[in-house]
PDB file of all heavy atoms in Angstrom:
ATOM      1  N   PRO A   1       4.280   5.683  -8.243  1.00  0.00           N
ATOM      2  CA  PRO A   1       5.179   5.449  -9.454  1.00  0.00           C
ATOM      3  C   PRO A   1       5.241   3.994  -9.708  1.00  0.00           C
ATOM      4  O   PRO A   1       5.344   3.173  -8.667  1.00  0.00           O
ATOM      5  CB  PRO A   1       6.556   6.064  -8.947  1.00  0.00           C
ATOM      6  CG  PRO A   1       6.094   7.122  -7.983  1.00  0.00           C
ATOM      7  CD  PRO A   1       4.990   6.589  -7.204  1.00  0.00           C
ATOM      8  N   GLY A   2       5.254   3.534 -10.902  1.00  0.00           N
ATOM      9  CA  GLY A   2       5.474   2.165 -11.256  1.00  0.00           C
ATOM     10  C   GLY A   2       6.984   1.692 -11.411  1.00  0.00           C
ATOM     11  O   GLY A   2       7.086   0.576 -11.594  1.00  0.00           O
ATOM     12  N   LEU A   3       7.773   2.778 -11.423  1.00  0.00           N
ATOM     13  CA  LEU A   3       9.296   2.397 -11.586  1.00  0.00           C
ATOM     14  C   LEU A   3      10.053   3.124 -10.651  1.00  0.00           C
ATOM     15  O   LEU A   3       9.750   4.377 -10.465  1.00  0.00           O
ATOM     16  CB  LEU A   3       9.677   2.778 -12.989  1.00  0.00           C
ATOM     17  CG  LEU A   3      11.124   2.505 -13.326  1.00  0.00           C
ATOM     18  CD1 LEU A   3      11.378   1.004 -13.446  1.00  0.00           C
ATOM     19  CD2 LEU A   3      11.518   3.124 -14.699  1.00  0.00           C
ATOM     20  N   VAL A   4      10.869   2.353  -9.791  1.00  0.00           N
ATOM     21  CA  VAL A   4      11.743   2.872  -8.864  1.00  0.00           C
ATOM     22  C   VAL A   4      13.140   2.541  -9.049  1.00  0.00           C
ATOM     23  O   VAL A   4      13.273   1.288  -9.331  1.00  0.00           O
ATOM     24  CB  VAL A   4      11.253   2.614  -7.464  1.00  0.00           C
ATOM     25  CG1 VAL A   4      12.111   3.234  -6.280  1.00  0.00           C
ATOM     26  CG2 VAL A   4       9.825   3.035  -7.188  1.00  0.00           C
ATOM     27  N   LYS A   5      14.135   3.427  -8.864  1.00  0.00           N
ATOM     28  CA  LYS A   5      15.428   2.927  -9.053  1.00  0.00           C
ATOM     29  C   LYS A   5      16.075   2.335  -7.810  1.00  0.00           C
ATOM     30  O   LYS A   5      15.672   2.595  -6.637  1.00  0.00           O
ATOM     31  CB  LYS A   5      16.376   4.156  -9.376  1.00  0.00           C
ATOM     32  CG  LYS A   5      15.944   4.830 -10.716  1.00  0.00           C
ATOM     33  CD  LYS A   5      16.858   5.997 -10.977  1.00  0.00           C
ATOM     34  CE  LYS A   5      16.501   6.644 -12.347  1.00  0.00           C
ATOM     35  NZ  LYS A   5      16.467   5.772 -13.540  1.00  0.00           N
ATOM     36  N   PRO A   6      16.981   1.301  -7.982  1.00  0.00           N
ATOM     37  CA  PRO A   6      17.554   0.761  -6.779  1.00  0.00           C
ATOM     38  C   PRO A   6      18.132   1.792  -5.973  1.00  0.00           C
ATOM     39  O   PRO A   6      18.706   2.835  -6.180  1.00  0.00           O
ATOM     40  CB  PRO A   6      18.680  -0.180  -7.441  1.00  0.00           C
ATOM     41  CG  PRO A   6      18.171  -0.462  -8.819  1.00  0.00           C
ATOM     42  CD  PRO A   6      17.449   0.725  -9.241  1.00  0.00           C
ATOM     43  N   SER A   7      18.012   1.463  -4.695  1.00  0.00           N
ATOM     44  CA  SER A   7      18.566   2.343  -3.564  1.00  0.00           C
ATOM     45  C   SER A   7      17.586   3.484  -3.179  1.00  0.00           C
ATOM     46  O   SER A   7      17.884   4.057  -2.084  1.00  0.00           O
ATOM     47  CB  SER A   7      20.090   2.802  -3.667  1.00  0.00           C
ATOM     48  OG  SER A   7      19.902   4.009  -4.635  1.00  0.00           O
ATOM     49  N   GLN A   8      16.630   3.669  -4.022  1.00  0.00           N
ATOM     50  CA  GLN A   8      15.628   4.666  -3.661  1.00  0.00           C
ATOM     51  C   GLN A   8      14.528   4.303  -2.834  1.00  0.00           C
ATOM     52  O   GLN A   8      14.533   3.075  -2.429  1.00  0.00           O
ATOM     53  CB  GLN A   8      15.216   5.383  -5.000  1.00  0.00           C
ATOM     54  CG  GLN A   8      16.228   6.023  -5.802  1.00  0.00           C
ATOM     55  CD  GLN A   8      15.806   6.914  -6.939  1.00  0.00           C
ATOM     56  OE1 GLN A   8      14.722   6.592  -7.386  1.00  0.00           O
ATOM     57  NE2 GLN A   8      16.538   7.846  -7.306  1.00  0.00           N
ATOM     58  N   THR A   9      13.592   5.014  -2.500  1.00  0.00           N
ATOM     59  CA  THR A   9      12.391   4.774  -1.694  1.00  0.00           C
ATOM     60  C   THR A   9      11.198   4.628  -2.521  1.00  0.00           C
ATOM     61  O   THR A   9      10.775   5.483  -3.219  1.00  0.00           O
ATOM     62  CB  THR A   9      12.282   5.773  -0.583  1.00  0.00           C
ATOM     63  OG1 THR A   9      13.325   5.906   0.346  1.00  0.00           O
ATOM     64  CG2 THR A   9      10.959   5.579   0.236  1.00  0.00           C
ATOM     65  N   LEU A  10      10.540   3.479  -2.271  1.00  0.00           N
ATOM     66  CA  LEU A  10       9.250   3.166  -2.932  1.00  0.00           C
ATOM     67  C   LEU A  10       8.161   3.854  -2.014  1.00  0.00           C
ATOM     68  O   LEU A  10       8.230   3.518  -0.778  1.00  0.00           O
ATOM     69  CB  LEU A  10       9.151   1.606  -2.979  1.00  0.00           C
ATOM     70  CG  LEU A  10       7.838   1.007  -3.589  1.00  0.00           C
ATOM     71  CD1 LEU A  10       8.201  -0.436  -4.043  1.00  0.00           C
ATOM     72  CD2 LEU A  10       6.708   0.991  -2.648  1.00  0.00           C
ATOM     73  N   SER A  11       7.340   4.545  -2.648  1.00  0.00           N
ATOM     74  CA  SER A  11       6.307   5.287  -1.977  1.00  0.00           C
ATOM     75  C   SER A  11       4.863   5.052  -2.759  1.00  0.00           C
ATOM     76  O   SER A  11       4.832   5.348  -3.907  1.00  0.00           O
ATOM     77  CB  SER A  11       6.619   6.733  -1.927  1.00  0.00           C
ATOM     78  OG  SER A  11       7.708   7.116  -1.136  1.00  0.00           O
ATOM     79  N   LEU A  12       3.953   4.581  -2.135  1.00  0.00           N
ATOM     80  CA  LEU A  12       2.605   4.281  -2.509  1.00  0.00           C
ATOM     81  C   LEU A  12       1.676   4.766  -1.630  1.00  0.00           C
ATOM     82  O   LEU A  12       1.768   4.779  -0.325  1.00  0.00           O
ATOM     83  CB  LEU A  12       2.412   2.801  -2.677  1.00  0.00           C
ATOM     84  CG  LEU A  12       3.363   2.036  -3.822  1.00  0.00           C
ATOM     85  CD1 LEU A  12       3.058   0.533  -3.543  1.00  0.00           C
ATOM     86  CD2 LEU A  12       2.965   2.543  -5.133  1.00  0.00           C
ATOM     87  N   THR A  13       0.485   5.172  -2.072  1.00  0.00           N
ATOM     88  CA  THR A  13      -0.594   5.639  -1.343  1.00  0.00           C
ATOM     89  C   THR A  13      -1.841   4.804  -1.697  1.00  0.00           C
ATOM     90  O   THR A  13      -2.253   4.396  -2.775  1.00  0.00           O
ATOM     91  CB  THR A  13      -0.893   7.126  -1.665  1.00  0.00           C
ATOM     92  OG1 THR A  13       0.165   7.896  -1.304  1.00  0.00           O
ATOM     93  CG2 THR A  13      -2.246   7.676  -1.029  1.00  0.00           C
ATOM     94  N   CYS A  14      -2.657   4.526  -0.555  1.00  0.00           N
ATOM     95  CA  CYS A  14      -3.877   3.936  -0.637  1.00  0.00           C
ATOM     96  C   CYS A  14      -4.992   4.787  -0.293  1.00  0.00           C
ATOM     97  O   CYS A  14      -4.955   5.320   0.793  1.00  0.00           O
ATOM     98  CB  CYS A  14      -3.970   2.560   0.185  1.00  0.00           C
ATOM     99  SG  CYS A  14      -5.443   1.688   0.125  1.00  0.00           S
ATOM    100  N   THR A  15      -5.843   5.013  -1.224  1.00  0.00           N
ATOM    101  CA  THR A  15      -6.937   5.925  -1.002  1.00  0.00           C
ATOM    102  C   THR A  15      -8.282   4.980  -0.701  1.00  0.00           C
ATOM    103  O   THR A  15      -8.661   4.143  -1.414  1.00  0.00           O
ATOM    104  CB  THR A  15      -7.328   6.744  -2.178  1.00  0.00           C
ATOM    105  OG1 THR A  15      -6.028   7.665  -2.495  1.00  0.00           O
ATOM    106  CG2 THR A  15      -8.529   7.758  -1.936  1.00  0.00           C
ATOM    107  N   VAL A  16      -8.940   5.189   0.413  1.00  0.00           N
ATOM    108  CA  VAL A  16     -10.010   4.532   0.826  1.00  0.00           C
ATOM    109  C   VAL A  16     -11.282   5.325   0.808  1.00  0.00           C
ATOM    110  O   VAL A  16     -11.398   6.506   1.126  1.00  0.00           O
ATOM    111  CB  VAL A  16      -9.837   4.147   2.468  1.00  0.00           C
ATOM    112  CG1 VAL A  16     -11.090   3.273   2.822  1.00  0.00           C
ATOM    113  CG2 VAL A  16      -8.545   3.377   2.596  1.00  0.00           C
ATOM    114  N   SER A  17     -12.353   4.632   0.118  1.00  0.00           N
ATOM    115  CA  SER A  17     -13.515   5.235  -0.256  1.00  0.00           C
ATOM    116  C   SER A  17     -14.691   4.327   0.416  1.00  0.00           C
ATOM    117  O   SER A  17     -14.521   3.237   0.584  1.00  0.00           O
ATOM    118  CB  SER A  17     -13.926   5.322  -1.661  1.00  0.00           C
ATOM    119  OG  SER A  17     -12.979   6.186  -2.293  1.00  0.00           O
ATOM    120  N   ARG A  18     -15.681   5.177   0.973  1.00  0.00           N
ATOM    121  CA  ARG A  18     -16.944   4.343   1.499  1.00  0.00           C
ATOM    122  C   ARG A  18     -16.450   3.535   2.750  1.00  0.00           C
ATOM    123  O   ARG A  18     -17.030   2.398   3.097  1.00  0.00           O
ATOM    124  CB  ARG A  18     -17.607   3.469   0.520  1.00  0.00           C
ATOM    125  CG  ARG A  18     -18.017   4.262  -0.839  1.00  0.00           C
ATOM    126  CD  ARG A  18     -18.535   3.370  -1.846  1.00  0.00           C
ATOM    127  NE  ARG A  18     -18.777   4.202  -2.960  1.00  0.00           N
ATOM    128  CZ  ARG A  18     -19.279   3.594  -4.245  1.00  0.00           C
ATOM    129  NH1 ARG A  18     -19.678   2.202  -4.256  1.00  0.00           N
ATOM    130  NH2 ARG A  18     -19.532   4.343  -5.283  1.00  0.00           N
ATOM    131  N   GLY A  19     -15.659   4.147   3.516  1.00  0.00           N
ATOM    132  CA  GLY A  19     -15.267   3.509   4.632  1.00  0.00           C
ATOM    133  C   GLY A  19     -14.006   4.371   5.257  1.00  0.00           C
ATOM    134  O   GLY A  19     -13.238   4.933   4.564  1.00  0.00           O
ATOM    135  N   SER A  20     -13.931   4.545   6.606  1.00  0.00           N
ATOM    136  CA  SER A  20     -13.007   5.345   7.269  1.00  0.00           C
ATOM    137  C   SER A  20     -11.860   4.599   7.844  1.00  0.00           C
ATOM    138  O   SER A  20     -12.027   3.615   8.578  1.00  0.00           O
ATOM    139  CB  SER A  20     -13.739   6.239   8.364  1.00  0.00           C
ATOM    140  OG  SER A  20     -12.714   7.021   9.102  1.00  0.00           O
ATOM    141  N   ILE A  21     -10.633   5.116   7.596  1.00  0.00           N
ATOM    142  CA  ILE A  21      -9.426   4.355   8.217  1.00  0.00           C
ATOM    143  C   ILE A  21      -9.417   4.549   9.729  1.00  0.00           C
ATOM    144  O   ILE A  21      -8.525   3.975  10.393  1.00  0.00           O
ATOM    145  CB  ILE A  21      -8.098   4.923   7.488  1.00  0.00           C
ATOM    146  CG1 ILE A  21      -8.000   6.498   7.730  1.00  0.00           C
ATOM    147  CG2 ILE A  21      -8.159   4.566   6.042  1.00  0.00           C
ATOM    148  CD1 ILE A  21      -6.659   6.881   7.195  1.00  0.00           C
ATOM    149  N   THR A  22     -10.239   5.423  10.285  1.00  0.00           N
ATOM    150  CA  THR A  22     -10.353   5.554  11.776  1.00  0.00           C
ATOM    151  C   THR A  22     -11.401   4.829  12.443  1.00  0.00           C
ATOM    152  O   THR A  22     -11.544   4.838  13.621  1.00  0.00           O
ATOM    153  CB  THR A  22     -10.404   7.021  11.991  1.00  0.00           C
ATOM    154  OG1 THR A  22     -11.643   7.659  11.591  1.00  0.00           O
ATOM    155  CG2 THR A  22      -9.214   7.853  11.583  1.00  0.00           C
ATOM    156  N   THR A  23     -12.117   4.034  11.656  1.00  0.00           N
ATOM    157  CA  THR A  23     -13.272   3.234  12.203  1.00  0.00           C
ATOM    158  C   THR A  23     -12.644   2.201  13.261  1.00  0.00           C
ATOM    159  O   THR A  23     -11.687   1.481  12.914  1.00  0.00           O
ATOM    160  CB  THR A  23     -14.063   2.498  11.169  1.00  0.00           C
ATOM    161  OG1 THR A  23     -14.775   3.589  10.524  1.00  0.00           O
ATOM    162  CG2 THR A  23     -15.143   1.595  11.772  1.00  0.00           C
ATOM    163  N   ASN A  24     -13.088   2.138  14.381  1.00  0.00           N
ATOM    164  CA  ASN A  24     -12.728   1.237  15.403  1.00  0.00           C
ATOM    165  C   ASN A  24     -12.554  -0.293  14.896  1.00  0.00           C
ATOM    166  O   ASN A  24     -13.310  -0.810  14.184  1.00  0.00           O
ATOM    167  CB  ASN A  24     -13.606   1.134  16.660  1.00  0.00           C
ATOM    168  CG  ASN A  24     -13.497   2.394  17.497  1.00  0.00           C
ATOM    169  OD1 ASN A  24     -12.658   3.327  17.213  1.00  0.00           O
ATOM    170  ND2 ASN A  24     -14.396   2.475  18.438  1.00  0.00           N
ATOM    171  N   TYR A  25     -11.372  -0.841  15.365  1.00  0.00           N
ATOM    172  CA  TYR A  25     -11.095  -2.159  15.126  1.00  0.00           C
ATOM    173  C   TYR A  25     -10.701  -2.509  13.614  1.00  0.00           C
ATOM    174  O   TYR A  25     -10.854  -3.881  13.495  1.00  0.00           O
ATOM    175  CB  TYR A  25     -12.050  -3.086  15.752  1.00  0.00           C
ATOM    176  CG  TYR A  25     -12.377  -2.475  17.285  1.00  0.00           C
ATOM    177  CD1 TYR A  25     -13.702  -2.310  17.583  1.00  0.00           C
ATOM    178  CD2 TYR A  25     -11.359  -2.436  18.167  1.00  0.00           C
ATOM    179  CE1 TYR A  25     -13.961  -1.929  18.897  1.00  0.00           C
ATOM    180  CE2 TYR A  25     -11.651  -1.716  19.363  1.00  0.00           C
ATOM    181  CZ  TYR A  25     -12.899  -1.644  19.869  1.00  0.00           C
ATOM    182  OH  TYR A  25     -13.177  -1.131  21.027  1.00  0.00           O
ATOM    183  N   TYR A  26     -10.457  -1.714  12.819  1.00  0.00           N
ATOM    184  CA  TYR A  26      -9.933  -2.079  11.463  1.00  0.00           C
ATOM    185  C   TYR A  26      -8.535  -1.693  11.380  1.00  0.00           C
ATOM    186  O   TYR A  26      -7.898  -0.643  11.936  1.00  0.00           O
ATOM    187  CB  TYR A  26     -10.745  -1.501  10.428  1.00  0.00           C
ATOM    188  CG  TYR A  26     -12.092  -2.072  10.217  1.00  0.00           C
ATOM    189  CD1 TYR A  26     -13.333  -1.490  10.724  1.00  0.00           C
ATOM    190  CD2 TYR A  26     -12.220  -3.288   9.680  1.00  0.00           C
ATOM    191  CE1 TYR A  26     -14.592  -2.212  10.580  1.00  0.00           C
ATOM    192  CE2 TYR A  26     -13.459  -4.015   9.567  1.00  0.00           C
ATOM    193  CZ  TYR A  26     -14.669  -3.286  10.035  1.00  0.00           C
ATOM    194  OH  TYR A  26     -15.828  -3.965   9.962  1.00  0.00           O
ATOM    195  N   TYR A  27      -7.774  -2.596  10.592  1.00  0.00           N
ATOM    196  CA  TYR A  27      -6.460  -2.441  10.335  1.00  0.00           C
ATOM    197  C   TYR A  27      -6.146  -2.418   8.866  1.00  0.00           C
ATOM    198  O   TYR A  27      -6.740  -3.173   7.987  1.00  0.00           O
ATOM    199  CB  TYR A  27      -5.672  -3.700  11.078  1.00  0.00           C
ATOM    200  CG  TYR A  27      -5.947  -3.788  12.547  1.00  0.00           C
ATOM    201  CD1 TYR A  27      -7.065  -4.172  13.070  1.00  0.00           C
ATOM    202  CD2 TYR A  27      -4.762  -3.193  13.416  1.00  0.00           C
ATOM    203  CE1 TYR A  27      -7.304  -4.179  14.345  1.00  0.00           C
ATOM    204  CE2 TYR A  27      -5.037  -3.168  14.779  1.00  0.00           C
ATOM    205  CZ  TYR A  27      -6.306  -3.781  15.337  1.00  0.00           C
ATOM    206  OH  TYR A  27      -6.475  -3.636  16.617  1.00  0.00           O
ATOM    207  N   TRP A  28      -5.256  -1.606   8.528  1.00  0.00           N
ATOM    208  CA  TRP A  28      -5.108  -1.286   7.022  1.00  0.00           C
ATOM    209  C   TRP A  28      -3.610  -1.627   6.791  1.00  0.00           C
ATOM    210  O   TRP A  28      -2.765  -1.039   7.056  1.00  0.00           O
ATOM    211  CB  TRP A  28      -5.388   0.302   6.880  1.00  0.00           C
ATOM    212  CG  TRP A  28      -6.813   0.630   7.363  1.00  0.00           C
ATOM    213  CD1 TRP A  28      -7.033   0.973   8.516  1.00  0.00           C
ATOM    214  CD2 TRP A  28      -7.941   0.660   6.648  1.00  0.00           C
ATOM    215  NE1 TRP A  28      -8.446   1.299   8.710  1.00  0.00           N
ATOM    216  CE2 TRP A  28      -8.939   1.094   7.516  1.00  0.00           C
ATOM    217  CE3 TRP A  28      -8.245   0.177   5.298  1.00  0.00           C
ATOM    218  CZ2 TRP A  28     -10.241   1.123   6.979  1.00  0.00           C
ATOM    219  CZ3 TRP A  28      -9.538   0.415   4.752  1.00  0.00           C
ATOM    220  CH2 TRP A  28     -10.527   0.731   5.735  1.00  0.00           C
ATOM    221  N   SER A  29      -3.659  -2.564   5.861  1.00  0.00           N
ATOM    222  CA  SER A  29      -2.333  -3.291   5.634  1.00  0.00           C
ATOM    223  C   SER A  29      -1.689  -3.062   4.063  1.00  0.00           C
ATOM    224  O   SER A  29      -2.525  -2.746   3.250  1.00  0.00           O
ATOM    225  CB  SER A  29      -2.528  -4.799   5.643  1.00  0.00           C
ATOM    226  OG  SER A  29      -2.583  -5.241   7.153  1.00  0.00           O
ATOM    227  N   TRP A  30      -0.538  -3.283   3.980  1.00  0.00           N
ATOM    228  CA  TRP A  30       0.120  -3.450   2.593  1.00  0.00           C
ATOM    229  C   TRP A  30       0.552  -4.851   2.543  1.00  0.00           C
ATOM    230  O   TRP A  30       1.205  -5.307   3.404  1.00  0.00           O
ATOM    231  CB  TRP A  30       1.294  -2.280   2.582  1.00  0.00           C
ATOM    232  CG  TRP A  30       0.880  -0.926   2.450  1.00  0.00           C
ATOM    233  CD1 TRP A  30       0.791   0.030   3.371  1.00  0.00           C
ATOM    234  CD2 TRP A  30       0.372  -0.358   1.170  1.00  0.00           C
ATOM    235  NE1 TRP A  30       0.424   1.114   2.756  1.00  0.00           N
ATOM    236  CE2 TRP A  30       0.127   1.028   1.593  1.00  0.00           C
ATOM    237  CE3 TRP A  30       0.232  -0.811  -0.066  1.00  0.00           C
ATOM    238  CZ2 TRP A  30      -0.286   1.864   0.454  1.00  0.00           C
ATOM    239  CZ3 TRP A  30      -0.064   0.130  -1.093  1.00  0.00           C
ATOM    240  CH2 TRP A  30      -0.439   1.457  -0.734  1.00  0.00           C
ATOM    241  N   ILE A  31       0.362  -5.442   1.359  1.00  0.00           N
ATOM    242  CA  ILE A  31       0.763  -6.749   1.045  1.00  0.00           C
ATOM    243  C   ILE A  31       1.292  -6.654  -0.346  1.00  0.00           C
ATOM    244  O   ILE A  31       1.098  -5.803  -1.196  1.00  0.00           O
ATOM    245  CB  ILE A  31      -0.362  -7.786   1.012  1.00  0.00           C
ATOM    246  CG1 ILE A  31      -1.241  -7.669   2.281  1.00  0.00           C
ATOM    247  CG2 ILE A  31      -0.023  -9.161   0.693  1.00  0.00           C
ATOM    248  CD1 ILE A  31      -2.441  -6.657   2.213  1.00  0.00           C
ATOM    249  N   ARG A  32       2.448  -7.500  -0.662  1.00  0.00           N
ATOM    250  CA  ARG A  32       2.861  -7.417  -1.948  1.00  0.00           C
ATOM    251  C   ARG A  32       2.959  -8.989  -2.514  1.00  0.00           C
ATOM    252  O   ARG A  32       3.078  -9.880  -1.753  1.00  0.00           O
ATOM    253  CB  ARG A  32       4.300  -6.857  -1.990  1.00  0.00           C
ATOM    254  CG  ARG A  32       5.318  -7.600  -1.270  1.00  0.00           C
ATOM    255  CD  ARG A  32       6.610  -6.672  -1.304  1.00  0.00           C
ATOM    256  NE  ARG A  32       7.739  -7.455  -0.664  1.00  0.00           N
ATOM    257  CZ  ARG A  32       9.088  -7.047  -0.665  1.00  0.00           C
ATOM    258  NH1 ARG A  32       9.244  -5.843  -1.086  1.00  0.00           N
ATOM    259  NH2 ARG A  32      10.022  -7.792   0.005  1.00  0.00           N
ATOM    260  N   GLN A  33       3.153  -9.044  -3.806  1.00  0.00           N
ATOM    261  CA  GLN A  33       3.374 -10.383  -4.451  1.00  0.00           C
ATOM    262  C   GLN A  33       4.375 -10.196  -5.632  1.00  0.00           C
ATOM    263  O   GLN A  33       4.054  -9.724  -6.718  1.00  0.00           O
ATOM    264  CB  GLN A  33       1.940 -10.858  -5.026  1.00  0.00           C
ATOM    265  CG  GLN A  33       2.111 -12.251  -5.704  1.00  0.00           C
ATOM    266  CD  GLN A  33       0.795 -12.923  -5.981  1.00  0.00           C
ATOM    267  OE1 GLN A  33      -0.164 -12.151  -6.409  1.00  0.00           O
ATOM    268  NE2 GLN A  33       0.570 -14.144  -5.697  1.00  0.00           N
ATOM    269  N   PRO A  34       5.533 -10.790  -5.355  1.00  0.00           N
ATOM    270  CA  PRO A  34       6.656 -10.633  -6.459  1.00  0.00           C
ATOM    271  C   PRO A  34       6.166 -11.630  -7.669  1.00  0.00           C
ATOM    272  O   PRO A  34       5.441 -12.668  -7.400  1.00  0.00           O
ATOM    273  CB  PRO A  34       7.879 -11.329  -5.728  1.00  0.00           C
ATOM    274  CG  PRO A  34       7.664 -10.981  -4.323  1.00  0.00           C
ATOM    275  CD  PRO A  34       6.108 -11.175  -4.083  1.00  0.00           C
ATOM    276  N   PRO A  35       6.639 -11.375  -8.775  1.00  0.00           N
ATOM    277  CA  PRO A  35       6.312 -12.272  -9.973  1.00  0.00           C
ATOM    278  C   PRO A  35       6.576 -13.756  -9.529  1.00  0.00           C
ATOM    279  O   PRO A  35       7.632 -14.143  -9.278  1.00  0.00           O
ATOM    280  CB  PRO A  35       7.197 -11.664 -11.047  1.00  0.00           C
ATOM    281  CG  PRO A  35       7.449 -10.296 -10.670  1.00  0.00           C
ATOM    282  CD  PRO A  35       7.511 -10.302  -9.295  1.00  0.00           C
ATOM    283  N   GLY A  36       5.492 -14.556  -9.841  1.00  0.00           N
ATOM    284  CA  GLY A  36       5.673 -15.951  -9.747  1.00  0.00           C
ATOM    285  C   GLY A  36       5.853 -16.519  -8.194  1.00  0.00           C
ATOM    286  O   GLY A  36       6.018 -17.669  -7.939  1.00  0.00           O
ATOM    287  N   LYS A  37       5.543 -15.541  -7.224  1.00  0.00           N
ATOM    288  CA  LYS A  37       5.679 -15.822  -5.895  1.00  0.00           C
ATOM    289  C   LYS A  37       4.421 -15.620  -5.136  1.00  0.00           C
ATOM    290  O   LYS A  37       3.492 -15.150  -5.713  1.00  0.00           O
ATOM    291  CB  LYS A  37       6.775 -15.072  -5.181  1.00  0.00           C
ATOM    292  CG  LYS A  37       8.202 -15.533  -5.821  1.00  0.00           C
ATOM    293  CD  LYS A  37       9.386 -14.778  -5.041  1.00  0.00           C
ATOM    294  CE  LYS A  37      10.732 -15.095  -5.631  1.00  0.00           C
ATOM    295  NZ  LYS A  37      11.803 -14.518  -4.903  1.00  0.00           N
TER     296      LYS A  37
END
C-alpha cells in the first residue's frame, strides 16, 4: 500500500527474481529515503 494511517503497521513485500534469497552470503535489506533527506 502507498498510504498508511498513523499508528498502523506499514507492510511491504520485496519480490526477488533471477536470484535466490537463500543463496549463501547475501543479505536482503530494506532502506528508506524521506522526502528531501
